[in-house]
C-alpha atoms as a PDB file:
ATOM      1  CA  UNK A   1     166.997 183.487  59.648  1.00  0.00           C
ATOM      2  CA  UNK A   2     166.461 181.024  63.242  1.00  0.00           C
ATOM      3  CA  UNK A   3     162.822 180.375  64.573  1.00  0.00           C
ATOM      4  CA  UNK A   4     162.274 181.617  67.409  1.00  0.00           C
ATOM      5  CA  UNK A   5     160.076 180.325  70.174  1.00  0.00           C
ATOM      6  CA  UNK A   6     157.059 182.209  69.912  1.00  0.00           C
ATOM      7  CA  UNK A   7     155.061 182.904  73.410  1.00  0.00           C
ATOM      8  CA  UNK A   8     152.216 182.358  74.306  1.00  0.00           C
ATOM      9  CA  UNK A   9     148.920 184.512  74.299  1.00  0.00           C
ATOM     10  CA  UNK A  10     148.014 183.920  76.990  1.00  0.00           C
ATOM     11  CA  UNK A  11     149.429 183.048  80.887  1.00  0.00           C
ATOM     12  CA  UNK A  12     150.495 179.323  81.392  1.00  0.00           C
ATOM     13  CA  UNK A  13     147.800 179.282  84.292  1.00  0.00           C
ATOM     14  CA  UNK A  14     144.978 180.003  82.142  1.00  0.00           C
ATOM     15  CA  UNK A  15     143.536 176.234  80.548  1.00  0.00           C
ATOM     16  CA  UNK A  16     143.749 174.859  83.963  1.00  0.00           C
ATOM     17  CA  UNK A  17     141.801 172.683  84.854  1.00  0.00           C
ATOM     18  CA  UNK A  18     142.079 171.335  81.868  1.00  0.00           C
ATOM     19  CA  UNK A  19     145.997 171.160  81.212  1.00  0.00           C
ATOM     20  CA  UNK A  20     147.704 172.663  84.237  1.00  0.00           C
ATOM     21  CA  UNK A  21     150.679 174.924  84.444  1.00  0.00           C
ATOM     22  CA  UNK A  22     153.040 172.860  85.581  1.00  0.00           C
ATOM     23  CA  UNK A  23     152.933 170.605  82.040  1.00  0.00           C
ATOM     24  CA  UNK A  24     152.147 173.871  79.963  1.00  0.00           C
ATOM     25  CA  UNK A  25     155.626 175.555  81.792  1.00  0.00           C
ATOM     26  CA  UNK A  26     157.866 172.462  80.661  1.00  0.00           C
ATOM     27  CA  UNK A  27     156.067 172.039  77.793  1.00  0.00           C
ATOM     28  CA  UNK A  28     156.546 175.470  76.582  1.00  0.00           C
ATOM     29  CA  UNK A  29     159.338 176.223  77.516  1.00  0.00           C
ATOM     30  CA  UNK A  30     161.632 172.578  77.781  1.00  0.00           C
ATOM     31  CA  UNK A  31     159.585 171.078  74.409  1.00  0.00           C
ATOM     32  CA  UNK A  32     158.934 173.218  72.890  1.00  0.00           C
ATOM     33  CA  UNK A  33     162.001 175.613  73.452  1.00  0.00           C
ATOM     34  CA  UNK A  34     164.054 172.322  72.609  1.00  0.00           C
ATOM     35  CA  UNK A  35     162.772 171.608  68.881  1.00  0.00           C
ATOM     36  CA  UNK A  36     163.313 175.234  68.157  1.00  0.00           C
ATOM     37  CA  UNK A  37     167.013 174.787  69.086  1.00  0.00           C
ATOM     38  CA  UNK A  38     167.585 172.476  67.372  1.00  0.00           C
ATOM     39  CA  UNK A  39     166.228 173.094  64.221  1.00  0.00           C
ATOM     40  CA  UNK A  40     167.939 176.138  64.296  1.00  0.00           C
ATOM     41  CA  UNK A  41     171.495 174.198  64.173  1.00  0.00           C
ATOM     42  CA  UNK A  42     170.038 171.396  62.190  1.00  0.00           C
ATOM     43  CA  UNK A  43     169.477 174.003  59.310  1.00  0.00           C
ATOM     44  CA  UNK A  44     172.214 176.070  59.965  1.00  0.00           C
ATOM     45  CA  UNK A  45     174.096 177.267  57.351  1.00  0.00           C
ATOM     46  CA  UNK A  46     171.905 175.163  54.562  1.00  0.00           C
ATOM     47  CA  UNK A  47     168.982 175.964  51.515  1.00  0.00           C
ATOM     48  CA  UNK A  48     166.874 175.208  54.402  1.00  0.00           C
ATOM     49  CA  UNK A  49     167.747 178.873  56.658  1.00  0.00           C
ATOM     50  CA  UNK A  50     165.264 181.171  54.438  1.00  0.00           C
ATOM     51  CA  UNK A  51     162.537 179.448  54.396  1.00  0.00           C
ATOM     52  CA  UNK A  52     158.859 179.739  56.136  1.00  0.00           C
ATOM     53  CA  UNK A  53     158.585 176.510  58.001  1.00  0.00           C
ATOM     54  CA  UNK A  54     155.706 175.564  56.260  1.00  0.00           C
ATOM     55  CA  UNK A  55     158.482 175.728  53.402  1.00  0.00           C
ATOM     56  CA  UNK A  56     160.966 173.361  54.989  1.00  0.00           C
ATOM     57  CA  UNK A  57     158.917 171.211  56.116  1.00  0.00           C
ATOM     58  CA  UNK A  58     156.634 170.068  52.415  1.00  0.00           C
ATOM     59  CA  UNK A  59     159.575 169.865  50.948  1.00  0.00           C
ATOM     60  CA  UNK A  60     161.494 167.775  53.157  1.00  0.00           C
ATOM     61  CA  UNK A  61     164.057 164.895  53.085  1.00  0.00           C
ATOM     62  CA  UNK A  62     162.156 162.583  55.107  1.00  0.00           C
ATOM     63  CA  UNK A  63     164.921 161.049  55.757  1.00  0.00           C
ATOM     64  CA  UNK A  64     166.796 164.076  57.347  1.00  0.00           C
ATOM     65  CA  UNK A  65     165.086 162.731  60.809  1.00  0.00           C
ATOM     66  CA  UNK A  66     166.951 166.264  62.388  1.00  0.00           C
ATOM     67  CA  UNK A  67     165.007 168.476  60.663  1.00  0.00           C
ATOM     68  CA  UNK A  68     162.279 166.066  60.516  1.00  0.00           C
ATOM     69  CA  UNK A  69     162.025 165.531  63.725  1.00  0.00           C
ATOM     70  CA  UNK A  70     163.074 168.712  65.014  1.00  0.00           C
ATOM     71  CA  UNK A  71     161.116 170.458  62.068  1.00  0.00           C
ATOM     72  CA  UNK A  72     157.650 168.703  63.415  1.00  0.00           C
ATOM     73  CA  UNK A  73     158.313 168.948  67.257  1.00  0.00           C
ATOM     74  CA  UNK A  74     158.060 173.236  66.715  1.00  0.00           C
ATOM     75  CA  UNK A  75     155.750 173.873  63.964  1.00  0.00           C
ATOM     76  CA  UNK A  76     153.474 171.433  65.993  1.00  0.00           C
ATOM     77  CA  UNK A  77     153.764 172.412  68.971  1.00  0.00           C
ATOM     78  CA  UNK A  78     153.740 176.313  67.461  1.00  0.00           C
ATOM     79  CA  UNK A  79     149.555 174.881  65.392  1.00  0.00           C
ATOM     80  CA  UNK A  80     149.162 173.666  68.712  1.00  0.00           C
ATOM     81  CA  UNK A  81     149.157 176.446  70.878  1.00  0.00           C
ATOM     82  CA  UNK A  82     147.418 179.033  69.026  1.00  0.00           C
ATOM     83  CA  UNK A  83     144.420 176.851  68.439  1.00  0.00           C
ATOM     84  CA  UNK A  84     143.381 176.201  73.030  1.00  0.00           C
ATOM     85  CA  UNK A  85     142.102 179.220  74.400  1.00  0.00           C
ATOM     86  CA  UNK A  86     140.613 179.137  78.208  1.00  0.00           C
ATOM     87  CA  UNK A  87     137.609 177.659  78.460  1.00  0.00           C
ATOM     88  CA  UNK A  88     134.228 179.149  77.431  1.00  0.00           C
ATOM     89  CA  UNK A  89     132.003 176.276  76.187  1.00  0.00           C
ATOM     90  CA  UNK A  90     132.096 177.390  72.806  1.00  0.00           C
ATOM     91  CA  UNK A  91     131.268 175.048  69.801  1.00  0.00           C
ATOM     92  CA  UNK A  92     132.564 175.476  65.784  1.00  0.00           C
ATOM     93  CA  UNK A  93     130.078 177.960  64.466  1.00  0.00           C
ATOM     94  CA  UNK A  94     129.462 179.370  60.579  1.00  0.00           C
ATOM     95  CA  UNK A  95     131.696 177.419  57.462  1.00  0.00           C
ATOM     96  CA  UNK A  96     133.731 175.883  59.844  1.00  0.00           C
ATOM     97  CA  UNK A  97     130.372 173.958  62.071  1.00  0.00           C
ATOM     98  CA  UNK A  98     129.328 172.999  58.250  1.00  0.00           C
ATOM     99  CA  UNK A  99     131.813 171.605  57.180  1.00  0.00           C
ATOM    100  CA  UNK A 100     132.438 169.109  59.806  1.00  0.00           C
ATOM    101  CA  UNK A 101     128.503 168.633  59.583  1.00  0.00           C
ATOM    102  CA  UNK A 102     129.108 167.585  55.169  1.00  0.00           C
ATOM    103  CA  UNK A 103     132.977 165.988  56.524  1.00  0.00           C
ATOM    104  CA  UNK A 104     131.085 163.588  59.538  1.00  0.00           C
ATOM    105  CA  UNK A 105     127.591 163.279  59.784  1.00  0.00           C
ATOM    106  CA  UNK A 106     127.279 165.791  62.909  1.00  0.00           C
ATOM    107  CA  UNK A 107     130.166 167.231  65.173  1.00  0.00           C
ATOM    108  CA  UNK A 108     129.467 164.663  68.395  1.00  0.00           C
ATOM    109  CA  UNK A 109     130.283 162.262  65.233  1.00  0.00           C
ATOM    110  CA  UNK A 110     133.691 164.379  64.303  1.00  0.00           C
ATOM    111  CA  UNK A 111     134.156 163.779  68.473  1.00  0.00           C
ATOM    112  CA  UNK A 112     134.667 160.989  68.204  1.00  0.00           C
ATOM    113  CA  UNK A 113     136.812 159.836  65.310  1.00  0.00           C
ATOM    114  CA  UNK A 114     139.661 162.296  66.387  1.00  0.00           C
ATOM    115  CA  UNK A 115     138.772 160.868  70.046  1.00  0.00           C
ATOM    116  CA  UNK A 116     139.031 157.911  68.865  1.00  0.00           C
ATOM    117  CA  UNK A 117     142.420 158.762  66.612  1.00  0.00           C
ATOM    118  CA  UNK A 118     144.637 160.451  68.930  1.00  0.00           C
ATOM    119  CA  UNK A 119     143.267 157.293  71.346  1.00  0.00           C
ATOM    120  CA  UNK A 120     144.618 154.586  68.900  1.00  0.00           C
ATOM    121  CA  UNK A 121     147.298 156.564  67.944  1.00  0.00           C
ATOM    122  CA  UNK A 122     150.188 153.585  69.659  1.00  0.00           C
ATOM    123  CA  UNK A 123     153.202 155.752  71.614  1.00  0.00           C
ATOM    124  CA  UNK A 124     153.814 159.588  69.934  1.00  0.00           C
ATOM    125  CA  UNK A 125     152.533 161.464  67.991  1.00  0.00           C
ATOM    126  CA  UNK A 126     149.502 163.229  67.159  1.00  0.00           C
ATOM    127  CA  UNK A 127     146.035 163.751  65.893  1.00  0.00           C
ATOM    128  CA  UNK A 128     144.826 165.735  63.232  1.00  0.00           C
ATOM    129  CA  UNK A 129     142.476 168.228  62.029  1.00  0.00           C
ATOM    130  CA  UNK A 130     143.117 169.126  58.187  1.00  0.00           C
ATOM    131  CA  UNK A 131     141.411 170.789  54.889  1.00  0.00           C
ATOM    132  CA  UNK A 132     141.925 170.109  51.871  1.00  0.00           C
ATOM    133  CA  UNK A 133     141.663 172.560  48.559  1.00  0.00           C
ATOM    134  CA  UNK A 134     137.959 172.724  47.869  1.00  0.00           C
ATOM    135  CA  UNK A 135     137.083 173.068  52.335  1.00  0.00           C
ATOM    136  CA  UNK A 136     136.651 169.259  52.863  1.00  0.00           C
ATOM    137  CA  UNK A 137     137.769 167.134  56.496  1.00  0.00           C
ATOM    138  CA  UNK A 138     140.008 164.179  57.294  1.00  0.00           C
ATOM    139  CA  UNK A 139     141.264 163.469  60.825  1.00  0.00           C
ATOM    140  CA  UNK A 140     144.163 161.394  60.524  1.00  0.00           C
ATOM    141  CA  UNK A 141     147.032 160.631  63.436  1.00  0.00           C
ATOM    142  CA  UNK A 142     151.079 160.501  62.308  1.00  0.00           C
ATOM    143  CA  UNK A 143     153.684 158.840  64.727  1.00  0.00           C
ATOM    144  CA  UNK A 144     156.006 160.859  66.565  1.00  0.00           C
ATOM    145  CA  UNK A 145     156.446 164.989  65.331  1.00  0.00           C
ATOM    146  CA  UNK A 146     155.918 164.205  62.192  1.00  0.00           C
ATOM    147  CA  UNK A 147     152.783 165.848  60.744  1.00  0.00           C
ATOM    148  CA  UNK A 148     150.623 166.698  57.405  1.00  0.00           C
ATOM    149  CA  UNK A 149     152.513 168.502  55.925  1.00  0.00           C
ATOM    150  CA  UNK A 150     155.493 166.666  55.462  1.00  0.00           C
ATOM    151  CA  UNK A 151     155.591 164.427  52.143  1.00  0.00           C
ATOM    152  CA  UNK A 152     153.749 160.690  52.011  1.00  0.00           C
ATOM    153  CA  UNK A 153     152.275 160.879  55.670  1.00  0.00           C
ATOM    154  CA  UNK A 154     148.774 160.053  55.480  1.00  0.00           C
ATOM    155  CA  UNK A 155     146.362 161.665  54.553  1.00  0.00           C
ATOM    156  CA  UNK A 156     147.871 165.111  53.330  1.00  0.00           C
ATOM    157  CA  UNK A 157     145.931 168.318  53.785  1.00  0.00           C
ATOM    158  CA  UNK A 158     147.004 171.295  55.702  1.00  0.00           C
ATOM    159  CA  UNK A 159     146.593 170.738  59.412  1.00  0.00           C
ATOM    160  CA  UNK A 160     143.347 173.109  61.270  1.00  0.00           C
ATOM    161  CA  UNK A 161     143.853 171.257  64.435  1.00  0.00           C
ATOM    162  CA  UNK A 162     145.664 168.578  66.116  1.00  0.00           C
ATOM    163  CA  UNK A 163     146.070 167.364  69.616  1.00  0.00           C
ATOM    164  CA  UNK A 164     149.294 165.904  70.618  1.00  0.00           C
ATOM    165  CA  UNK A 165     149.329 162.809  72.411  1.00  0.00           C
ATOM    166  CA  UNK A 166     153.353 162.789  73.866  1.00  0.00           C
ATOM    167  CA  UNK A 167     153.269 161.784  77.341  1.00  0.00           C
ATOM    168  CA  UNK A 168     154.906 164.846  78.188  1.00  0.00           C
ATOM    169  CA  UNK A 169     151.559 166.211  77.266  1.00  0.00           C
ATOM    170  CA  UNK A 170     149.395 165.528  79.700  1.00  0.00           C
ATOM    171  CA  UNK A 171     151.073 162.908  82.538  1.00  0.00           C
ATOM    172  CA  UNK A 172     151.847 164.883  84.822  1.00  0.00           C
ATOM    173  CA  UNK A 173     148.275 165.608  85.441  1.00  0.00           C
ATOM    174  CA  UNK A 174     146.915 162.380  84.480  1.00  0.00           C
ATOM    175  CA  UNK A 175     149.691 160.277  84.219  1.00  0.00           C
ATOM    176  CA  UNK A 176     148.118 157.328  81.756  1.00  0.00           C
ATOM    177  CA  UNK A 177     144.838 158.467  81.576  1.00  0.00           C
ATOM    178  CA  UNK A 178     144.807 159.421  78.355  1.00  0.00           C
ATOM    179  CA  UNK A 179     140.272 159.417  77.899  1.00  0.00           C
ATOM    180  CA  UNK A 180     140.565 161.664  80.539  1.00  0.00           C
ATOM    181  CA  UNK A 181     142.895 164.020  78.376  1.00  0.00           C
ATOM    182  CA  UNK A 182     141.813 163.886  75.028  1.00  0.00           C
ATOM    183  CA  UNK A 183     138.462 164.621  76.479  1.00  0.00           C
ATOM    184  CA  UNK A 184     139.516 167.223  78.528  1.00  0.00           C
ATOM    185  CA  UNK A 185     140.900 168.837  75.559  1.00  0.00           C
ATOM    186  CA  UNK A 186     138.012 170.175  73.651  1.00  0.00           C
ATOM    187  CA  UNK A 187     137.215 172.083  76.063  1.00  0.00           C
ATOM    188  CA  UNK A 188     139.919 174.561  75.781  1.00  0.00           C
ATOM    189  CA  UNK A 189     139.799 174.575  72.085  1.00  0.00           C
ATOM    190  CA  UNK A 190     140.014 177.917  70.324  1.00  0.00           C
ATOM    191  CA  UNK A 191     137.170 177.672  67.757  1.00  0.00           C
ATOM    192  CA  UNK A 192     137.335 180.465  65.957  1.00  0.00           C
ATOM    193  CA  UNK A 193     141.704 180.567  64.980  1.00  0.00           C
ATOM    194  CA  UNK A 194     140.597 177.113  63.546  1.00  0.00           C
ATOM    195  CA  UNK A 195     138.006 178.335  61.947  1.00  0.00           C
ATOM    196  CA  UNK A 196     140.257 181.062  60.952  1.00  0.00           C
ATOM    197  CA  UNK A 197     143.149 178.205  59.369  1.00  0.00           C
ATOM    198  CA  UNK A 198     140.091 177.191  57.921  1.00  0.00           C
ATOM    199  CA  UNK A 199     139.551 179.731  55.737  1.00  0.00           C
ATOM    200  CA  UNK A 200     143.163 179.960  54.741  1.00  0.00           C
ATOM    201  CA  UNK A 201     143.362 176.301  53.937  1.00  0.00           C
ATOM    202  CA  UNK A 202     141.094 175.349  51.731  1.00  0.00           C
END
């Protein structure tokens, strides 16, 4: 069962001016495509080729770097495209908003902590908002293409929101200004999709 590169759920220019069209074209059409192809090559003819991506990552041999790097890259980017949308100025509502309030004190405190996790991830990696069974939220970061579904990575839980802080995610538009990229990311978060993932994960 070969994994497929998903279509973007919006036109490549839809996230401008916050994320530019050229970055989206390269990030999706080159980087994500490479992770997809390399993952398929790494699992071909093994028991993993019949697993869902979630099953594969939860049961991963962390010493299998080809599957770890490319499986993580595949999953992380599938989530990344889905939790973004053309800017509408929306914020979390309902149960998700309540969980953010309970877990972090306020939306602004959540935003500050999530930004800190993304800013302090040295080198390449991701910052995550994860949900644990019962609905508690936690923020953490991972290196390279690791994520919180993998064994022994960190905060655990199911990712409901993630930001890619690899330089290929922002360098064409922002150069070394990671802080500006992270700040503008909040303008393109698809909070209805984050809420859907929260409900499914809790």
